[in-house]
Amino acid sequence: EVAAEIERMAGGNPEFAAMVASRFGGEENFSRMVREEMTIHRHIEENVVRGETDPAARQAAVDGWYRELTQSQPVSIFDPALKAAVQASGGCSCCG
């Protein structure tokens, strides 16, 4: 499943492997990141939006989940761009 997603992301780009190596330090690190991201998205699909099809309702569910998560658990965002986006939006807007 992870390999298929990486293949989809590469899209036949001959420079994809070089980009992965320069940005993520290699294929193993990139694969781990993709697997973790897929796990998070699967959790959100199965437990947060639960089949909701309306984009606004999906976003509201994700925003509520994220707000509850950050109030109940310590969450650290290390990516400066992501941190700025989350702070500007007042919540999570990654999964709408």
N, C-alpha and C. Protein backbone atom coordinates (compact mmCIF):
# COMPACT_ATOMS: atom_id res chain seq x y z
N GLU A 1 0.82 -1.19 0.00
CA GLU A 1 0.00 0.00 0.00
C GLU A 1 0.87 1.26 0.00
N VAL A 2 1.90 1.28 0.84
CA VAL A 2 2.81 2.43 0.89
C VAL A 2 3.57 2.54 -0.43
N ALA A 3 4.06 1.43 -0.92
CA ALA A 3 4.80 1.43 -2.18
C ALA A 3 3.92 1.94 -3.33
N ALA A 4 2.66 1.54 -3.35
CA ALA A 4 1.74 1.99 -4.40
C ALA A 4 1.51 3.49 -4.30
N GLU A 5 1.40 4.02 -3.09
CA GLU A 5 1.20 5.45 -2.91
C GLU A 5 2.44 6.22 -3.36
N ILE A 6 3.61 5.72 -3.04
CA ILE A 6 4.85 6.38 -3.46
C ILE A 6 4.97 6.36 -4.98
N GLU A 7 4.61 5.24 -5.57
CA GLU A 7 4.63 5.15 -7.03
C GLU A 7 3.66 6.15 -7.65
N ARG A 8 2.49 6.29 -7.06
CA ARG A 8 1.51 7.27 -7.54
C ARG A 8 2.07 8.69 -7.42
N MET A 9 2.72 8.98 -6.30
CA MET A 9 3.30 10.30 -6.07
C MET A 9 4.41 10.60 -7.08
N ALA A 10 5.22 9.59 -7.38
CA ALA A 10 6.33 9.77 -8.31
C ALA A 10 5.82 10.10 -9.71
N GLY A 11 4.72 9.49 -10.07
CA GLY A 11 4.09 9.78 -11.35
C GLY A 11 5.01 9.69 -12.55
N GLY A 12 6.00 8.82 -12.50
CA GLY A 12 6.91 8.68 -13.63
C GLY A 12 7.96 9.77 -13.72
N ASN A 13 8.05 10.63 -12.71
CA ASN A 13 9.03 11.71 -12.70
C ASN A 13 10.43 11.13 -12.52
N PRO A 14 11.31 11.29 -13.49
CA PRO A 14 12.65 10.71 -13.38
C PRO A 14 13.50 11.35 -12.27
N GLU A 15 13.11 12.51 -11.79
CA GLU A 15 13.87 13.20 -10.74
C GLU A 15 13.30 12.95 -9.34
N PHE A 16 12.27 12.12 -9.26
CA PHE A 16 11.61 11.89 -7.97
C PHE A 16 12.56 11.30 -6.94
N ALA A 17 13.33 10.29 -7.30
CA ALA A 17 14.25 9.65 -6.35
C ALA A 17 15.28 10.64 -5.82
N ALA A 18 15.78 11.50 -6.68
CA ALA A 18 16.76 12.51 -6.25
C ALA A 18 16.11 13.51 -5.30
N MET A 19 14.88 13.90 -5.58
CA MET A 19 14.15 14.82 -4.70
C MET A 19 13.92 14.18 -3.33
N VAL A 20 13.53 12.92 -3.32
CA VAL A 20 13.31 12.19 -2.06
C VAL A 20 14.61 12.14 -1.26
N ALA A 21 15.69 11.84 -1.93
CA ALA A 21 16.98 11.76 -1.24
C ALA A 21 17.38 13.11 -0.66
N SER A 22 17.19 14.19 -1.41
CA SER A 22 17.62 15.50 -0.92
C SER A 22 16.70 16.04 0.17
N ARG A 23 15.42 15.81 0.06
CA ARG A 23 14.47 16.37 1.05
C ARG A 23 14.30 15.50 2.29
N PHE A 24 14.38 14.20 2.13
CA PHE A 24 14.04 13.29 3.23
C PHE A 24 15.20 12.41 3.68
N GLY A 25 16.35 12.55 3.04
CA GLY A 25 17.50 11.77 3.45
C GLY A 25 17.49 10.34 2.95
N GLY A 26 16.59 10.03 2.06
CA GLY A 26 16.56 8.70 1.49
C GLY A 26 15.18 8.10 1.44
N GLU A 27 15.09 7.00 0.72
CA GLU A 27 13.82 6.32 0.48
C GLU A 27 13.20 5.76 1.76
N GLU A 28 14.04 5.25 2.66
CA GLU A 28 13.52 4.67 3.90
C GLU A 28 12.82 5.72 4.76
N ASN A 29 13.42 6.88 4.91
CA ASN A 29 12.79 7.97 5.68
C ASN A 29 11.50 8.42 5.01
N PHE A 30 11.53 8.54 3.70
CA PHE A 30 10.35 8.97 2.96
C PHE A 30 9.22 7.95 3.10
N SER A 31 9.55 6.67 2.98
CA SER A 31 8.55 5.62 3.13
C SER A 31 7.92 5.66 4.52
N ARG A 32 8.72 5.87 5.54
CA ARG A 32 8.20 5.95 6.90
C ARG A 32 7.24 7.14 7.03
N MET A 33 7.62 8.29 6.48
CA MET A 33 6.77 9.47 6.53
C MET A 33 5.44 9.23 5.80
N VAL A 34 5.51 8.62 4.63
CA VAL A 34 4.29 8.33 3.87
C VAL A 34 3.40 7.37 4.65
N ARG A 35 3.99 6.32 5.24
CA ARG A 35 3.21 5.36 6.02
C ARG A 35 2.52 6.05 7.21
N GLU A 36 3.25 6.93 7.90
CA GLU A 36 2.65 7.64 9.04
C GLU A 36 1.52 8.55 8.59
N GLU A 37 1.72 9.24 7.48
CA GLU A 37 0.68 10.12 6.95
C GLU A 37 -0.55 9.32 6.54
N MET A 38 -0.33 8.17 5.90
CA MET A 38 -1.45 7.32 5.50
C MET A 38 -2.22 6.81 6.72
N THR A 39 -1.50 6.49 7.79
CA THR A 39 -2.14 6.03 9.03
C THR A 39 -3.02 7.13 9.61
N ILE A 40 -2.51 8.34 9.63
CA ILE A 40 -3.29 9.47 10.16
C ILE A 40 -4.53 9.70 9.32
N HIS A 41 -4.36 9.71 8.00
CA HIS A 41 -5.52 9.93 7.13
C HIS A 41 -6.55 8.82 7.26
N ARG A 42 -6.08 7.58 7.41
CA ARG A 42 -7.02 6.47 7.59
C ARG A 42 -7.80 6.65 8.90
N HIS A 43 -7.10 7.03 9.97
CA HIS A 43 -7.77 7.28 11.26
C HIS A 43 -8.84 8.37 11.10
N ILE A 44 -8.48 9.44 10.42
CA ILE A 44 -9.44 10.54 10.24
C ILE A 44 -10.65 10.06 9.44
N GLU A 45 -10.41 9.32 8.38
CA GLU A 45 -11.53 8.80 7.56
C GLU A 45 -12.44 7.88 8.37
N GLU A 46 -11.83 6.95 9.12
CA GLU A 46 -12.61 5.94 9.83
C GLU A 46 -13.23 6.44 11.13
N ASN A 47 -12.61 7.41 11.79
CA ASN A 47 -13.06 7.79 13.12
C ASN A 47 -13.48 9.23 13.29
N VAL A 48 -13.16 10.08 12.35
CA VAL A 48 -13.50 11.49 12.50
C VAL A 48 -14.61 11.90 11.54
N VAL A 49 -14.42 11.67 10.25
CA VAL A 49 -15.44 12.08 9.28
C VAL A 49 -16.43 10.97 8.98
N ARG A 50 -16.09 9.72 9.26
CA ARG A 50 -16.98 8.56 9.17
C ARG A 50 -17.94 8.58 7.98
N GLY A 51 -17.39 8.70 6.78
CA GLY A 51 -18.22 8.61 5.59
C GLY A 51 -18.95 9.89 5.21
N GLU A 52 -18.75 10.96 5.93
CA GLU A 52 -19.38 12.24 5.58
C GLU A 52 -18.92 12.65 4.19
N THR A 53 -19.85 13.10 3.35
CA THR A 53 -19.49 13.49 1.99
C THR A 53 -19.50 15.00 1.77
N ASP A 54 -20.20 15.74 2.60
CA ASP A 54 -20.25 17.19 2.45
C ASP A 54 -18.91 17.80 2.87
N PRO A 55 -18.23 18.51 1.97
CA PRO A 55 -16.91 19.06 2.29
C PRO A 55 -16.90 19.97 3.52
N ALA A 56 -17.92 20.79 3.68
CA ALA A 56 -17.97 21.68 4.85
C ALA A 56 -18.14 20.89 6.14
N ALA A 57 -18.97 19.86 6.11
CA ALA A 57 -19.17 19.02 7.29
C ALA A 57 -17.90 18.22 7.61
N ARG A 58 -17.22 17.76 6.57
CA ARG A 58 -15.94 17.04 6.78
C ARG A 58 -14.94 17.96 7.45
N GLN A 59 -14.83 19.19 6.93
CA GLN A 59 -13.87 20.15 7.49
C GLN A 59 -14.24 20.50 8.93
N ALA A 60 -15.50 20.68 9.20
CA ALA A 60 -15.94 20.99 10.57
C ALA A 60 -15.61 19.84 11.51
N ALA A 61 -15.79 18.61 11.06
CA ALA A 61 -15.47 17.45 11.90
C ALA A 61 -13.97 17.38 12.18
N VAL A 62 -13.15 17.61 11.16
CA VAL A 62 -11.70 17.57 11.33
C VAL A 62 -11.25 18.71 12.24
N ASP A 63 -11.79 19.90 12.01
CA ASP A 63 -11.42 21.04 12.86
C ASP A 63 -11.79 20.79 14.32
N GLY A 64 -12.97 20.23 14.56
CA GLY A 64 -13.39 19.91 15.93
C GLY A 64 -12.50 18.86 16.56
N TRP A 65 -12.16 17.83 15.79
CA TRP A 65 -11.26 16.77 16.28
C TRP A 65 -9.90 17.35 16.63
N TYR A 66 -9.39 18.20 15.74
CA TYR A 66 -8.06 18.78 15.96
C TYR A 66 -8.08 19.71 17.19
N ARG A 67 -9.11 20.51 17.31
CA ARG A 67 -9.24 21.41 18.47
C ARG A 67 -9.28 20.60 19.76
N GLU A 68 -10.08 19.54 19.78
CA GLU A 68 -10.18 18.68 20.96
C GLU A 68 -8.83 18.00 21.25
N LEU A 69 -8.16 17.56 20.20
CA LEU A 69 -6.86 16.91 20.35
C LEU A 69 -5.84 17.87 20.98
N THR A 70 -5.76 19.08 20.45
CA THR A 70 -4.77 20.03 20.96
C THR A 70 -5.09 20.53 22.35
N GLN A 71 -6.35 20.47 22.75
CA GLN A 71 -6.72 20.87 24.12
C GLN A 71 -6.47 19.75 25.12
N SER A 72 -6.49 18.51 24.66
CA SER A 72 -6.36 17.38 25.59
C SER A 72 -4.97 16.74 25.57
N GLN A 73 -4.18 17.00 24.52
CA GLN A 73 -2.86 16.39 24.37
C GLN A 73 -1.84 17.45 23.99
N PRO A 74 -0.61 17.31 24.49
CA PRO A 74 0.42 18.23 24.02
C PRO A 74 0.78 17.92 22.57
N VAL A 75 0.65 18.90 21.69
CA VAL A 75 0.94 18.72 20.28
C VAL A 75 2.03 19.72 19.90
N SER A 76 3.11 19.22 19.33
CA SER A 76 4.20 20.08 18.87
C SER A 76 4.28 20.01 17.36
N ILE A 77 4.27 21.15 16.72
CA ILE A 77 4.42 21.23 15.27
C ILE A 77 5.80 21.79 14.99
N PHE A 78 6.63 20.99 14.33
CA PHE A 78 8.01 21.38 14.09
C PHE A 78 8.22 22.06 12.75
N ASP A 79 7.32 21.83 11.81
CA ASP A 79 7.43 22.45 10.49
C ASP A 79 6.94 23.90 10.58
N PRO A 80 7.81 24.90 10.38
CA PRO A 80 7.41 26.30 10.53
C PRO A 80 6.26 26.70 9.62
N ALA A 81 6.24 26.21 8.38
CA ALA A 81 5.17 26.55 7.46
C ALA A 81 3.84 25.98 7.93
N LEU A 82 3.84 24.72 8.38
CA LEU A 82 2.62 24.10 8.89
C LEU A 82 2.15 24.80 10.15
N LYS A 83 3.08 25.13 11.04
CA LYS A 83 2.73 25.82 12.28
C LYS A 83 2.07 27.16 11.97
N ALA A 84 2.62 27.91 11.04
CA ALA A 84 2.04 29.21 10.67
C ALA A 84 0.65 29.03 10.06
N ALA A 85 0.49 28.02 9.21
CA ALA A 85 -0.81 27.78 8.58
C ALA A 85 -1.86 27.40 9.61
N VAL A 86 -1.50 26.54 10.57
CA VAL A 86 -2.44 26.12 11.61
C VAL A 86 -2.82 27.30 12.48
N GLN A 87 -1.84 28.11 12.87
CA GLN A 87 -2.12 29.28 13.71
C GLN A 87 -2.99 30.28 12.97
N ALA A 88 -2.76 30.48 11.68
CA ALA A 88 -3.53 31.43 10.89
C ALA A 88 -4.97 30.98 10.71
N SER A 89 -5.17 29.66 10.60
CA SER A 89 -6.52 29.16 10.34
C SER A 89 -7.31 28.90 11.61
N GLY A 90 -6.62 28.89 12.73
CA GLY A 90 -7.31 28.60 13.98
C GLY A 90 -7.59 27.13 14.19
N GLY A 91 -7.05 26.27 13.36
CA GLY A 91 -7.28 24.83 13.50
C GLY A 91 -6.62 24.09 12.37
N CYS A 92 -6.98 22.85 12.22
CA CYS A 92 -6.39 22.00 11.20
C CYS A 92 -7.18 22.15 9.90
N SER A 93 -6.48 22.37 8.82
CA SER A 93 -7.16 22.44 7.53
C SER A 93 -6.51 21.50 6.52
N CYS A 94 -5.86 20.47 7.05
CA CYS A 94 -5.09 19.58 6.17
C CYS A 94 -5.92 18.52 5.51
N CYS A 95 -7.08 18.24 6.00
CA CYS A 95 -7.74 17.01 5.57
C CYS A 95 -9.15 17.24 5.02
N GLY A 96 -9.45 18.41 4.58
CA GLY A 96 -10.78 18.73 4.11
C GLY A 96 -11.11 18.05 2.89
